[in-house]
C-alpha atoms as a PDB file:
ATOM      1  CA  UNK A   1     -28.407  15.648 178.292  1.00  0.00           C
ATOM      2  CA  UNK A   2     -29.074  16.545 174.451  1.00  0.00           C
ATOM      3  CA  UNK A   3     -31.545  14.861 172.578  1.00  0.00           C
ATOM      4  CA  UNK A   4     -32.382  15.277 169.055  1.00  0.00           C
ATOM      5  CA  UNK A   5     -35.931  15.144 167.876  1.00  0.00           C
ATOM      6  CA  UNK A   6     -35.119  12.267 165.534  1.00  0.00           C
ATOM      7  CA  UNK A   7     -33.940  10.200 168.701  1.00  0.00           C
ATOM      8  CA  UNK A   8     -37.363  10.815 170.195  1.00  0.00           C
ATOM      9  CA  UNK A   9     -39.032   9.720 167.168  1.00  0.00           C
ATOM     10  CA  UNK A  10     -37.175   6.908 166.641  1.00  0.00           C
ATOM     11  CA  UNK A  11     -37.607   5.877 170.354  1.00  0.00           C
ATOM     12  CA  UNK A  12     -41.309   6.494 170.526  1.00  0.00           C
ATOM     13  CA  UNK A  13     -42.899   6.294 167.076  1.00  0.00           C
ATOM     14  CA  UNK A  14     -40.518   3.997 165.080  1.00  0.00           C
ATOM     15  CA  UNK A  15     -38.751   6.809 163.387  1.00  0.00           C
ATOM     16  CA  UNK A  16     -41.776   8.696 162.047  1.00  0.00           C
ATOM     17  CA  UNK A  17     -42.410  12.203 162.724  1.00  0.00           C
ATOM     18  CA  UNK A  18     -45.154  12.276 165.281  1.00  0.00           C
ATOM     19  CA  UNK A  19     -46.338  14.669 167.770  1.00  0.00           C
ATOM     20  CA  UNK A  20     -47.798  11.723 169.997  1.00  0.00           C
ATOM     21  CA  UNK A  21     -43.764  10.478 170.130  1.00  0.00           C
ATOM     22  CA  UNK A  22     -43.215  13.825 171.746  1.00  0.00           C
ATOM     23  CA  UNK A  23     -45.870  13.670 174.150  1.00  0.00           C
ATOM     24  CA  UNK A  24     -44.964  10.048 175.207  1.00  0.00           C
ATOM     25  CA  UNK A  25     -41.427  11.441 175.773  1.00  0.00           C
ATOM     26  CA  UNK A  26     -42.535  14.325 177.854  1.00  0.00           C
ATOM     27  CA  UNK A  27     -44.811  12.206 179.955  1.00  0.00           C
ATOM     28  CA  UNK A  28     -41.962   9.763 180.717  1.00  0.00           C
ATOM     29  CA  UNK A  29     -39.735  12.442 181.568  1.00  0.00           C
ATOM     30  CA  UNK A  30     -42.520  14.107 183.899  1.00  0.00           C
ATOM     31  CA  UNK A  31     -43.200  10.792 185.721  1.00  0.00           C
ATOM     32  CA  UNK A  32     -39.630  10.079 186.385  1.00  0.00           C
ATOM     33  CA  UNK A  33     -38.756  13.571 187.446  1.00  0.00           C
ATOM     34  CA  UNK A  34     -41.642  13.582 189.655  1.00  0.00           C
ATOM     35  CA  UNK A  35     -40.162  10.787 191.757  1.00  0.00           C
ATOM     36  CA  UNK A  36     -37.570  13.627 192.902  1.00  0.00           C
ATOM     37  CA  UNK A  37     -39.120  16.076 195.364  1.00  0.00           C
ATOM     38  CA  UNK A  38     -36.477  18.791 194.627  1.00  0.00           C
ATOM     39  CA  UNK A  39     -37.322  19.165 191.121  1.00  0.00           C
ATOM     40  CA  UNK A  40     -40.276  21.497 189.703  1.00  0.00           C
ATOM     41  CA  UNK A  41     -41.744  19.149 187.128  1.00  0.00           C
ATOM     42  CA  UNK A  42     -44.128  21.478 185.545  1.00  0.00           C
ATOM     43  CA  UNK A  43     -41.382  24.084 184.827  1.00  0.00           C
ATOM     44  CA  UNK A  44     -38.883  21.317 183.299  1.00  0.00           C
ATOM     45  CA  UNK A  45     -41.311  19.781 181.024  1.00  0.00           C
ATOM     46  CA  UNK A  46     -42.787  23.161 179.810  1.00  0.00           C
ATOM     47  CA  UNK A  47     -39.041  23.998 179.064  1.00  0.00           C
ATOM     48  CA  UNK A  48     -38.711  20.756 177.327  1.00  0.00           C
ATOM     49  CA  UNK A  49     -41.846  21.098 175.134  1.00  0.00           C
ATOM     50  CA  UNK A  50     -40.724  24.417 174.092  1.00  0.00           C
ATOM     51  CA  UNK A  51     -37.138  23.373 173.257  1.00  0.00           C
ATOM     52  CA  UNK A  52     -38.250  20.587 171.045  1.00  0.00           C
ATOM     53  CA  UNK A  53     -40.836  22.907 169.314  1.00  0.00           C
ATOM     54  CA  UNK A  54     -37.927  25.436 168.637  1.00  0.00           C
ATOM     55  CA  UNK A  55     -35.683  22.615 167.280  1.00  0.00           C
ATOM     56  CA  UNK A  56     -38.359  21.286 164.922  1.00  0.00           C
ATOM     57  CA  UNK A  57     -38.997  25.019 163.668  1.00  0.00           C
ATOM     58  CA  UNK A  58     -35.487  26.352 163.225  1.00  0.00           C
END
């Protein structure tokens, strides 16, 4: 799955660059991933957060 930050902003903050949109996206992913006992959700969410920050900076 490949998401651009702009897609997350469109979905969670009406297209405006807002850190809360990233928070809501990560929360949604964490909750949904938590339903699968084989996934380590903390590691996945941490990786996603770091990757999104790198996309915003670079």
